[in-house]
Amino acid sequence: MRSSLESVQHFFAKYGTSDNITTLGIIVVAVILVVSIYKMLKSFHPTMVVFVVGLLGIGVFLYWVHNRNEPEFMTPAVEAVAGFLPKKGALRELDTPQ
């Protein structure tokens, strides 16, 4: 039976490319952020938490409407609202000074 440290060393010796280590670092930072934000939100009044989560949800929904990159199950809701909100258009080329 290996110790935890030996298992980690074996894992990094076998799979330790720079991409894998970067991904692992991003995952560790994401978990730390989620835990710290959860602890912070627990100290707030529940109404404030609902307000902040609602604002974030509205922001994501409007992003989906603008870029039309929503998940498939959200397409009917985005279709219903997309006619009233601006969409991402083709990029226009600006004339550069000569």
PDB file of N, CA and C in Angstrom:
ATOM      1  N   MET A   1       0.840  -1.176   0.000  1.00  0.00           N
ATOM      2  CA  MET A   1       0.000   0.000   0.000  1.00  0.00           C
ATOM      3  C   MET A   1       0.886   1.241   0.000  1.00  0.00           C
ATOM      4  N   ARG A   2       0.570   2.170  -0.871  1.00  0.00           N
ATOM      5  CA  ARG A   2       1.345   3.404  -0.956  1.00  0.00           C
ATOM      6  C   ARG A   2       0.776   4.465  -0.025  1.00  0.00           C
ATOM      7  N   SER A   3       1.642   5.391   0.353  1.00  0.00           N
ATOM      8  CA  SER A   3       1.152   6.530   1.123  1.00  0.00           C
ATOM      9  C   SER A   3       0.527   7.533   0.154  1.00  0.00           C
ATOM     10  N   SER A   4      -0.139   8.507   0.697  1.00  0.00           N
ATOM     11  CA  SER A   4      -0.784   9.524  -0.143  1.00  0.00           C
ATOM     12  C   SER A   4       0.243  10.291  -0.948  1.00  0.00           C
ATOM     13  N   LEU A   5       1.344  10.640  -0.327  1.00  0.00           N
ATOM     14  CA  LEU A   5       2.393  11.386  -1.015  1.00  0.00           C
ATOM     15  C   LEU A   5       2.967  10.576  -2.175  1.00  0.00           C
ATOM     16  N   GLU A   6       3.188   9.284  -1.970  1.00  0.00           N
ATOM     17  CA  GLU A   6       3.701   8.439  -3.051  1.00  0.00           C
ATOM     18  C   GLU A   6       2.696   8.321  -4.185  1.00  0.00           C
ATOM     19  N   SER A   7       1.413   8.258  -3.862  1.00  0.00           N
ATOM     20  CA  SER A   7       0.377   8.190  -4.895  1.00  0.00           C
ATOM     21  C   SER A   7       0.351   9.460  -5.729  1.00  0.00           C
ATOM     22  N   VAL A   8       0.477  10.602  -5.070  1.00  0.00           N
ATOM     23  CA  VAL A   8       0.499  11.878  -5.797  1.00  0.00           C
ATOM     24  C   VAL A   8       1.741  11.967  -6.666  1.00  0.00           C
ATOM     25  N   GLN A   9       2.883  11.556  -6.140  1.00  0.00           N
ATOM     26  CA  GLN A   9       4.120  11.580  -6.921  1.00  0.00           C
ATOM     27  C   GLN A   9       4.012  10.657  -8.131  1.00  0.00           C
ATOM     28  N   HIS A  10       3.422   9.482  -7.941  1.00  0.00           N
ATOM     29  CA  HIS A  10       3.240   8.546  -9.051  1.00  0.00           C
ATOM     30  C   HIS A  10       2.311   9.151 -10.110  1.00  0.00           C
ATOM     31  N   PHE A  11       1.229   9.792  -9.672  1.00  0.00           N
ATOM     32  CA  PHE A  11       0.288  10.408 -10.601  1.00  0.00           C
ATOM     33  C   PHE A  11       0.980  11.477 -11.439  1.00  0.00           C
ATOM     34  N   PHE A  12       1.763  12.365 -10.787  1.00  0.00           N
ATOM     35  CA  PHE A  12       2.417  13.435 -11.532  1.00  0.00           C
ATOM     36  C   PHE A  12       3.552  12.917 -12.401  1.00  0.00           C
ATOM     37  N   ALA A  13       4.189  11.822 -11.998  1.00  0.00           N
ATOM     38  CA  ALA A  13       5.220  11.236 -12.843  1.00  0.00           C
ATOM     39  C   ALA A  13       4.609  10.649 -14.111  1.00  0.00           C
ATOM     40  N   LYS A  14       3.406  10.094 -13.988  1.00  0.00           N
ATOM     41  CA  LYS A  14       2.755   9.454 -15.132  1.00  0.00           C
ATOM     42  C   LYS A  14       2.014  10.456 -16.019  1.00  0.00           C
ATOM     43  N   TYR A  15       1.274  11.404 -15.399  1.00  0.00           N
ATOM     44  CA  TYR A  15       0.412  12.318 -16.154  1.00  0.00           C
ATOM     45  C   TYR A  15       0.826  13.776 -16.028  1.00  0.00           C
ATOM     46  N   GLY A  16       2.014  14.075 -15.568  1.00  0.00           N
ATOM     47  CA  GLY A  16       2.382  15.438 -15.214  1.00  0.00           C
ATOM     48  C   GLY A  16       2.808  16.335 -16.345  1.00  0.00           C
ATOM     49  N   THR A  17       1.969  16.510 -17.355  1.00  0.00           N
ATOM     50  CA  THR A  17       2.277  17.494 -18.384  1.00  0.00           C
ATOM     51  C   THR A  17       1.872  18.879 -17.881  1.00  0.00           C
ATOM     52  N   SER A  18       2.348  19.901 -18.552  1.00  0.00           N
ATOM     53  CA  SER A  18       2.046  21.264 -18.106  1.00  0.00           C
ATOM     54  C   SER A  18       0.548  21.557 -18.193  1.00  0.00           C
ATOM     55  N   ASP A  19      -0.136  21.001 -19.190  1.00  0.00           N
ATOM     56  CA  ASP A  19      -1.583  21.214 -19.306  1.00  0.00           C
ATOM     57  C   ASP A  19      -2.332  20.594 -18.137  1.00  0.00           C
ATOM     58  N   ASN A  20      -1.948  19.383 -17.751  1.00  0.00           N
ATOM     59  CA  ASN A  20      -2.635  18.715 -16.646  1.00  0.00           C
ATOM     60  C   ASN A  20      -2.399  19.439 -15.321  1.00  0.00           C
ATOM     61  N   ILE A  21      -1.180  19.913 -15.111  1.00  0.00           N
ATOM     62  CA  ILE A  21      -0.879  20.618 -13.866  1.00  0.00           C
ATOM     63  C   ILE A  21      -1.619  21.950 -13.825  1.00  0.00           C
ATOM     64  N   THR A  22      -1.706  22.638 -14.964  1.00  0.00           N
ATOM     65  CA  THR A  22      -2.455  23.892 -15.029  1.00  0.00           C
ATOM     66  C   THR A  22      -3.935  23.646 -14.739  1.00  0.00           C
ATOM     67  N   THR A  23      -4.491  22.602 -15.330  1.00  0.00           N
ATOM     68  CA  THR A  23      -5.894  22.270 -15.089  1.00  0.00           C
ATOM     69  C   THR A  23      -6.131  21.943 -13.623  1.00  0.00           C
ATOM     70  N   LEU A  24      -5.239  21.197 -13.026  1.00  0.00           N
ATOM     71  CA  LEU A  24      -5.366  20.869 -11.610  1.00  0.00           C
ATOM     72  C   LEU A  24      -5.314  22.143 -10.757  1.00  0.00           C
ATOM     73  N   GLY A  25      -4.432  23.064 -11.093  1.00  0.00           N
ATOM     74  CA  GLY A  25      -4.356  24.330 -10.361  1.00  0.00           C
ATOM     75  C   GLY A  25      -5.633  25.139 -10.487  1.00  0.00           C
ATOM     76  N   ILE A  26      -6.206  25.168 -11.679  1.00  0.00           N
ATOM     77  CA  ILE A  26      -7.452  25.895 -11.888  1.00  0.00           C
ATOM     78  C   ILE A  26      -8.580  25.261 -11.081  1.00  0.00           C
ATOM     79  N   ILE A  27      -8.619  23.931 -11.033  1.00  0.00           N
ATOM     80  CA  ILE A  27      -9.653  23.244 -10.262  1.00  0.00           C
ATOM     81  C   ILE A  27      -9.510  23.543  -8.776  1.00  0.00           C
ATOM     82  N   VAL A  28      -8.287  23.532  -8.271  1.00  0.00           N
ATOM     83  CA  VAL A  28      -8.055  23.819  -6.849  1.00  0.00           C
ATOM     84  C   VAL A  28      -8.489  25.246  -6.517  1.00  0.00           C
ATOM     85  N   VAL A  29      -8.124  26.197  -7.365  1.00  0.00           N
ATOM     86  CA  VAL A  29      -8.516  27.591  -7.135  1.00  0.00           C
ATOM     87  C   VAL A  29     -10.033  27.739  -7.213  1.00  0.00           C
ATOM     88  N   ALA A  30     -10.677  27.055  -8.149  1.00  0.00           N
ATOM     89  CA  ALA A  30     -12.138  27.133  -8.275  1.00  0.00           C
ATOM     90  C   ALA A  30     -12.825  26.585  -7.036  1.00  0.00           C
ATOM     91  N   VAL A  31     -12.332  25.478  -6.500  1.00  0.00           N
ATOM     92  CA  VAL A  31     -12.932  24.904  -5.294  1.00  0.00           C
ATOM     93  C   VAL A  31     -12.765  25.855  -4.116  1.00  0.00           C
ATOM     94  N   ILE A  32     -11.593  26.449  -3.982  1.00  0.00           N
ATOM     95  CA  ILE A  32     -11.361  27.408  -2.888  1.00  0.00           C
ATOM     96  C   ILE A  32     -12.290  28.605  -3.028  1.00  0.00           C
ATOM     97  N   LEU A  33     -12.481  29.114  -4.255  1.00  0.00           N
ATOM     98  CA  LEU A  33     -13.384  30.248  -4.477  1.00  0.00           C
ATOM     99  C   LEU A  33     -14.829  29.894  -4.152  1.00  0.00           C
ATOM    100  N   VAL A  34     -15.265  28.724  -4.567  1.00  0.00           N
ATOM    101  CA  VAL A  34     -16.647  28.323  -4.307  1.00  0.00           C
ATOM    102  C   VAL A  34     -16.885  28.210  -2.805  1.00  0.00           C
ATOM    103  N   VAL A  35     -15.954  27.604  -2.080  1.00  0.00           N
ATOM    104  CA  VAL A  35     -16.115  27.456  -0.632  1.00  0.00           C
ATOM    105  C   VAL A  35     -16.111  28.819   0.050  1.00  0.00           C
ATOM    106  N   SER A  36     -15.210  29.718  -0.355  1.00  0.00           N
ATOM    107  CA  SER A  36     -15.153  31.031   0.290  1.00  0.00           C
ATOM    108  C   SER A  36     -16.392  31.871  -0.028  1.00  0.00           C
ATOM    109  N   ILE A  37     -16.891  31.790  -1.255  1.00  0.00           N
ATOM    110  CA  ILE A  37     -18.107  32.532  -1.608  1.00  0.00           C
ATOM    111  C   ILE A  37     -19.306  31.958  -0.864  1.00  0.00           C
ATOM    112  N   TYR A  38     -19.360  30.635  -0.721  1.00  0.00           N
ATOM    113  CA  TYR A  38     -20.445  30.013   0.038  1.00  0.00           C
ATOM    114  C   TYR A  38     -20.434  30.488   1.483  1.00  0.00           C
ATOM    115  N   LYS A  39     -19.257  30.531   2.089  1.00  0.00           N
ATOM    116  CA  LYS A  39     -19.171  30.991   3.482  1.00  0.00           C
ATOM    117  C   LYS A  39     -19.572  32.463   3.592  1.00  0.00           C
ATOM    118  N   MET A  40     -19.174  33.264   2.611  1.00  0.00           N
ATOM    119  CA  MET A  40     -19.528  34.678   2.636  1.00  0.00           C
ATOM    120  C   MET A  40     -21.038  34.856   2.491  1.00  0.00           C
ATOM    121  N   LEU A  41     -21.665  34.120   1.572  1.00  0.00           N
ATOM    122  CA  LEU A  41     -23.101  34.260   1.357  1.00  0.00           C
ATOM    123  C   LEU A  41     -23.911  33.749   2.537  1.00  0.00           C
ATOM    124  N   LYS A  42     -23.363  32.773   3.279  1.00  0.00           N
ATOM    125  CA  LYS A  42     -24.073  32.282   4.465  1.00  0.00           C
ATOM    126  C   LYS A  42     -24.228  33.382   5.513  1.00  0.00           C
ATOM    127  N   SER A  43     -23.304  34.340   5.524  1.00  0.00           N
ATOM    128  CA  SER A  43     -23.374  35.404   6.523  1.00  0.00           C
ATOM    129  C   SER A  43     -24.337  36.522   6.112  1.00  0.00           C
ATOM    130  N   PHE A  44     -24.781  36.541   4.865  1.00  0.00           N
ATOM    131  CA  PHE A  44     -25.690  37.579   4.388  1.00  0.00           C
ATOM    132  C   PHE A  44     -27.130  37.221   4.724  1.00  0.00           C
ATOM    133  N   HIS A  45     -27.998  38.223   4.642  1.00  0.00           N
ATOM    134  CA  HIS A  45     -29.435  38.010   4.783  1.00  0.00           C
ATOM    135  C   HIS A  45     -29.918  37.217   3.569  1.00  0.00           C
ATOM    136  N   PRO A  46     -30.842  36.278   3.754  1.00  0.00           N
ATOM    137  CA  PRO A  46     -31.292  35.444   2.624  1.00  0.00           C
ATOM    138  C   PRO A  46     -31.849  36.235   1.442  1.00  0.00           C
ATOM    139  N   THR A  47     -32.476  37.357   1.703  1.00  0.00           N
ATOM    140  CA  THR A  47     -33.012  38.169   0.607  1.00  0.00           C
ATOM    141  C   THR A  47     -31.885  38.708  -0.267  1.00  0.00           C
ATOM    142  N   MET A  48     -30.777  39.095   0.353  1.00  0.00           N
ATOM    143  CA  MET A  48     -29.638  39.603  -0.405  1.00  0.00           C
ATOM    144  C   MET A  48     -29.021  38.502  -1.260  1.00  0.00           C
ATOM    145  N   VAL A  49     -28.995  37.289  -0.742  1.00  0.00           N
ATOM    146  CA  VAL A  49     -28.452  36.159  -1.514  1.00  0.00           C
ATOM    147  C   VAL A  49     -29.326  35.900  -2.737  1.00  0.00           C
ATOM    148  N   VAL A  50     -30.636  35.915  -2.566  1.00  0.00           N
ATOM    149  CA  VAL A  50     -31.550  35.711  -3.691  1.00  0.00           C
ATOM    150  C   VAL A  50     -31.373  36.820  -4.720  1.00  0.00           C
ATOM    151  N   PHE A  51     -31.196  38.051  -4.268  1.00  0.00           N
ATOM    152  CA  PHE A  51     -30.993  39.187  -5.175  1.00  0.00           C
ATOM    153  C   PHE A  51     -29.715  39.017  -5.993  1.00  0.00           C
ATOM    154  N   VAL A  52     -28.613  38.661  -5.338  1.00  0.00           N
ATOM    155  CA  VAL A  52     -27.326  38.508  -6.034  1.00  0.00           C
ATOM    156  C   VAL A  52     -27.387  37.338  -7.019  1.00  0.00           C
ATOM    157  N   VAL A  53     -27.932  36.208  -6.593  1.00  0.00           N
ATOM    158  CA  VAL A  53     -28.040  35.053  -7.487  1.00  0.00           C
ATOM    159  C   VAL A  53     -28.971  35.373  -8.653  1.00  0.00           C
ATOM    160  N   GLY A  54     -30.039  36.113  -8.403  1.00  0.00           N
ATOM    161  CA  GLY A  54     -30.946  36.525  -9.479  1.00  0.00           C
ATOM    162  C   GLY A  54     -30.268  37.425 -10.487  1.00  0.00           C
ATOM    163  N   LEU A  55     -29.476  38.379 -10.015  1.00  0.00           N
ATOM    164  CA  LEU A  55     -28.733  39.245 -10.937  1.00  0.00           C
ATOM    165  C   LEU A  55     -27.760  38.441 -11.792  1.00  0.00           C
ATOM    166  N   LEU A  56     -27.065  37.504 -11.176  1.00  0.00           N
ATOM    167  CA  LEU A  56     -26.145  36.661 -11.943  1.00  0.00           C
ATOM    168  C   LEU A  56     -26.901  35.823 -12.973  1.00  0.00           C
ATOM    169  N   GLY A  57     -28.044  35.272 -12.581  1.00  0.00           N
ATOM    170  CA  GLY A  57     -28.846  34.487 -13.515  1.00  0.00           C
ATOM    171  C   GLY A  57     -29.348  35.309 -14.686  1.00  0.00           C
ATOM    172  N   ILE A  58     -29.803  36.524 -14.405  1.00  0.00           N
ATOM    173  CA  ILE A  58     -30.269  37.414 -15.477  1.00  0.00           C
ATOM    174  C   ILE A  58     -29.114  37.762 -16.412  1.00  0.00           C
ATOM    175  N   GLY A  59     -27.939  38.005 -15.834  1.00  0.00           N
ATOM    176  CA  GLY A  59     -26.772  38.313 -16.655  1.00  0.00           C
ATOM    177  C   GLY A  59     -26.401  37.175 -17.591  1.00  0.00           C
ATOM    178  N   VAL A  60     -26.408  35.952 -17.091  1.00  0.00           N
ATOM    179  CA  VAL A  60     -26.103  34.791 -17.933  1.00  0.00           C
ATOM    180  C   VAL A  60     -27.169  34.620 -19.008  1.00  0.00           C
ATOM    181  N   PHE A  61     -28.431  34.791 -18.646  1.00  0.00           N
ATOM    182  CA  PHE A  61     -29.517  34.639 -19.615  1.00  0.00           C
ATOM    183  C   PHE A  61     -29.394  35.679 -20.733  1.00  0.00           C
ATOM    184  N   LEU A  62     -29.108  36.928 -20.383  1.00  0.00           N
ATOM    185  CA  LEU A  62     -28.955  37.968 -21.402  1.00  0.00           C
ATOM    186  C   LEU A  62     -27.738  37.711 -22.285  1.00  0.00           C
ATOM    187  N   TYR A  63     -26.688  37.153 -21.707  1.00  0.00           N
ATOM    188  CA  TYR A  63     -25.514  36.780 -22.504  1.00  0.00           C
ATOM    189  C   TYR A  63     -25.890  35.713 -23.523  1.00  0.00           C
ATOM    190  N   TRP A  64     -26.682  34.724 -23.081  1.00  0.00           N
ATOM    191  CA  TRP A  64     -27.127  33.684 -23.993  1.00  0.00           C
ATOM    192  C   TRP A  64     -27.990  34.262 -25.104  1.00  0.00           C
ATOM    193  N   VAL A  65     -28.873  35.195 -24.775  1.00  0.00           N
ATOM    194  CA  VAL A  65     -29.741  35.795 -25.787  1.00  0.00           C
ATOM    195  C   VAL A  65     -28.907  36.569 -26.791  1.00  0.00           C
ATOM    196  N   HIS A  66     -27.921  37.308 -26.313  1.00  0.00           N
ATOM    197  CA  HIS A  66     -27.106  38.134 -27.206  1.00  0.00           C
ATOM    198  C   HIS A  66     -26.248  37.276 -28.140  1.00  0.00           C
ATOM    199  N   ASN A  67     -25.604  36.253 -27.607  1.00  0.00           N
ATOM    200  CA  ASN A  67     -24.678  35.443 -28.403  1.00  0.00           C
ATOM    201  C   ASN A  67     -25.296  34.182 -28.996  1.00  0.00           C
ATOM    202  N   ARG A  68     -26.509  33.831 -28.540  1.00  0.00           N
ATOM    203  CA  ARG A  68     -27.218  32.632 -29.000  1.00  0.00           C
ATOM    204  C   ARG A  68     -26.372  31.367 -28.838  1.00  0.00           C
ATOM    205  N   ASN A  69     -25.789  31.217 -27.642  1.00  0.00           N
ATOM    206  CA  ASN A  69     -25.021  30.012 -27.335  1.00  0.00           C
ATOM    207  C   ASN A  69     -25.587  29.321 -26.099  1.00  0.00           C
ATOM    208  N   GLU A  70     -26.912  29.342 -25.975  1.00  0.00           N
ATOM    209  CA  GLU A  70     -27.577  28.751 -24.819  1.00  0.00           C
ATOM    210  C   GLU A  70     -27.581  27.227 -24.927  1.00  0.00           C
ATOM    211  N   PRO A  71     -27.739  26.531 -23.788  1.00  0.00           N
ATOM    212  CA  PRO A  71     -27.900  25.081 -23.858  1.00  0.00           C
ATOM    213  C   PRO A  71     -29.225  24.724 -24.537  1.00  0.00           C
ATOM    214  N   GLU A  72     -29.311  23.515 -25.067  1.00  0.00           N
ATOM    215  CA  GLU A  72     -30.492  23.122 -25.842  1.00  0.00           C
ATOM    216  C   GLU A  72     -31.796  23.230 -25.057  1.00  0.00           C
ATOM    217  N   PHE A  73     -31.775  22.872 -23.776  1.00  0.00           N
ATOM    218  CA  PHE A  73     -33.023  22.897 -23.012  1.00  0.00           C
ATOM    219  C   PHE A  73     -33.520  24.315 -22.756  1.00  0.00           C
ATOM    220  N   MET A  74     -32.657  25.335 -22.928  1.00  0.00           N
ATOM    221  CA  MET A  74     -33.066  26.728 -22.719  1.00  0.00           C
ATOM    222  C   MET A  74     -33.505  27.424 -24.006  1.00  0.00           C
ATOM    223  N   THR A  75     -33.371  26.750 -25.145  1.00  0.00           N
ATOM    224  CA  THR A  75     -33.691  27.377 -26.425  1.00  0.00           C
ATOM    225  C   THR A  75     -35.115  27.917 -26.494  1.00  0.00           C
ATOM    226  N   PRO A  76     -36.146  27.214 -26.022  1.00  0.00           N
ATOM    227  CA  PRO A  76     -37.503  27.794 -26.103  1.00  0.00           C
ATOM    228  C   PRO A  76     -37.630  29.109 -25.324  1.00  0.00           C
ATOM    229  N   ALA A  77     -37.020  29.196 -24.152  1.00  0.00           N
ATOM    230  CA  ALA A  77     -37.106  30.430 -23.372  1.00  0.00           C
ATOM    231  C   ALA A  77     -36.328  31.554 -24.046  1.00  0.00           C
ATOM    232  N   VAL A  78     -35.175  31.232 -24.608  1.00  0.00           N
ATOM    233  CA  VAL A  78     -34.368  32.256 -25.281  1.00  0.00           C
ATOM    234  C   VAL A  78     -35.058  32.713 -26.555  1.00  0.00           C
ATOM    235  N   GLU A  79     -35.674  31.789 -27.281  1.00  0.00           N
ATOM    236  CA  GLU A  79     -36.419  32.149 -28.502  1.00  0.00           C
ATOM    237  C   GLU A  79     -37.549  33.118 -28.185  1.00  0.00           C
ATOM    238  N   ALA A  80     -38.215  32.913 -27.055  1.00  0.00           N
ATOM    239  CA  ALA A  80     -39.345  33.763 -26.695  1.00  0.00           C
ATOM    240  C   ALA A  80     -38.903  35.197 -26.424  1.00  0.00           C
ATOM    241  N   VAL A  81     -37.714  35.379 -25.928  1.00  0.00           N
ATOM    242  CA  VAL A  81     -37.233  36.703 -25.539  1.00  0.00           C
ATOM    243  C   VAL A  81     -36.347  37.327 -26.617  1.00  0.00           C
ATOM    244  N   ALA A  82     -35.756  36.511 -27.491  1.00  0.00           N
ATOM    245  CA  ALA A  82     -34.748  36.995 -28.437  1.00  0.00           C
ATOM    246  C   ALA A  82     -35.286  38.049 -29.394  1.00  0.00           C
ATOM    247  N   GLY A  83     -36.566  38.018 -29.694  1.00  0.00           N
ATOM    248  CA  GLY A  83     -37.123  38.995 -30.622  1.00  0.00           C
ATOM    249  C   GLY A  83     -37.159  40.411 -30.063  1.00  0.00           C
ATOM    250  N   PHE A  84     -37.141  40.547 -28.758  1.00  0.00           N
ATOM    251  CA  PHE A  84     -37.247  41.865 -28.131  1.00  0.00           C
ATOM    252  C   PHE A  84     -35.899  42.459 -27.752  1.00  0.00           C
ATOM    253  N   LEU A  85     -34.853  41.658 -27.742  1.00  0.00           N
ATOM    254  CA  LEU A  85     -33.545  42.118 -27.283  1.00  0.00           C
ATOM    255  C   LEU A  85     -32.551  42.135 -28.431  1.00  0.00           C
ATOM    256  N   PRO A  86     -31.499  42.960 -28.326  1.00  0.00           N
ATOM    257  CA  PRO A  86     -30.518  43.026 -29.416  1.00  0.00           C
ATOM    258  C   PRO A  86     -29.727  41.727 -29.529  1.00  0.00           C
ATOM    259  N   LYS A  87     -29.314  41.432 -30.763  1.00  0.00           N
ATOM    260  CA  LYS A  87     -28.531  40.239 -31.041  1.00  0.00           C
ATOM    261  C   LYS A  87     -27.131  40.646 -31.486  1.00  0.00           C
ATOM    262  N   LYS A  88     -26.237  39.709 -31.408  1.00  0.00           N
ATOM    263  CA  LYS A  88     -24.881  39.939 -31.868  1.00  0.00           C
ATOM    264  C   LYS A  88     -24.898  39.942 -33.390  1.00  0.00           C
ATOM    265  N   GLY A  89     -24.422  41.015 -33.978  1.00  0.00           N
ATOM    266  CA  GLY A  89     -24.418  41.123 -35.431  1.00  0.00           C
ATOM    267  C   GLY A  89     -23.040  40.833 -35.989  1.00  0.00           C
ATOM    268  N   ALA A  90     -22.936  40.937 -37.288  1.00  0.00           N
ATOM    269  CA  ALA A  90     -21.649  40.738 -37.945  1.00  0.00           C
ATOM    270  C   ALA A  90     -20.718  41.893 -37.588  1.00  0.00           C
ATOM    271  N   LEU A  91     -19.463  41.580 -37.452  1.00  0.00           N
ATOM    272  CA  LEU A  91     -18.492  42.630 -37.159  1.00  0.00           C
ATOM    273  C   LEU A  91     -18.295  43.484 -38.395  1.00  0.00           C
ATOM    274  N   ARG A  92     -18.234  44.784 -38.186  1.00  0.00           N
ATOM    275  CA  ARG A  92     -18.016  45.662 -39.330  1.00  0.00           C
ATOM    276  C   ARG A  92     -16.560  46.102 -39.355  1.00  0.00           C
ATOM    277  N   GLU A  93     -16.053  46.259 -40.538  1.00  0.00           N
ATOM    278  CA  GLU A  93     -14.659  46.659 -40.707  1.00  0.00           C
ATOM    279  C   GLU A  93     -14.583  48.190 -40.657  1.00  0.00           C
ATOM    280  N   LEU A  94     -13.648  48.689 -39.901  1.00  0.00           N
ATOM    281  CA  LEU A  94     -13.422  50.123 -39.846  1.00  0.00           C
ATOM    282  C   LEU A  94     -12.341  50.489 -40.852  1.00  0.00           C
ATOM    283  N   ASP A  95     -12.531  51.637 -41.483  1.00  0.00           N
ATOM    284  CA  ASP A  95     -11.507  52.108 -42.420  1.00  0.00           C
ATOM    285  C   ASP A  95     -10.301  52.578 -41.643  1.00  0.00           C
ATOM    286  N   THR A  96      -9.152  52.097 -42.039  1.00  0.00           N
ATOM    287  CA  THR A  96      -7.929  52.533 -41.366  1.00  0.00           C
ATOM    288  C   THR A  96      -7.350  53.719 -42.099  1.00  0.00           C
ATOM    289  N   PRO A  97      -6.824  54.692 -41.373  1.00  0.00           N
ATOM    290  CA  PRO A  97      -6.239  55.847 -42.065  1.00  0.00           C
ATOM    291  C   PRO A  97      -5.014  55.439 -42.874  1.00  0.00           C
ATOM    292  N   GLN A  98      -4.889  56.059 -44.010  1.00  0.00           N
ATOM    293  CA  GLN A  98      -3.755  55.749 -44.911  1.00  0.00           C
ATOM    294  C   GLN A  98      -2.561  56.603 -44.590  1.00  0.00           C
TER     295      GLN A  98
END
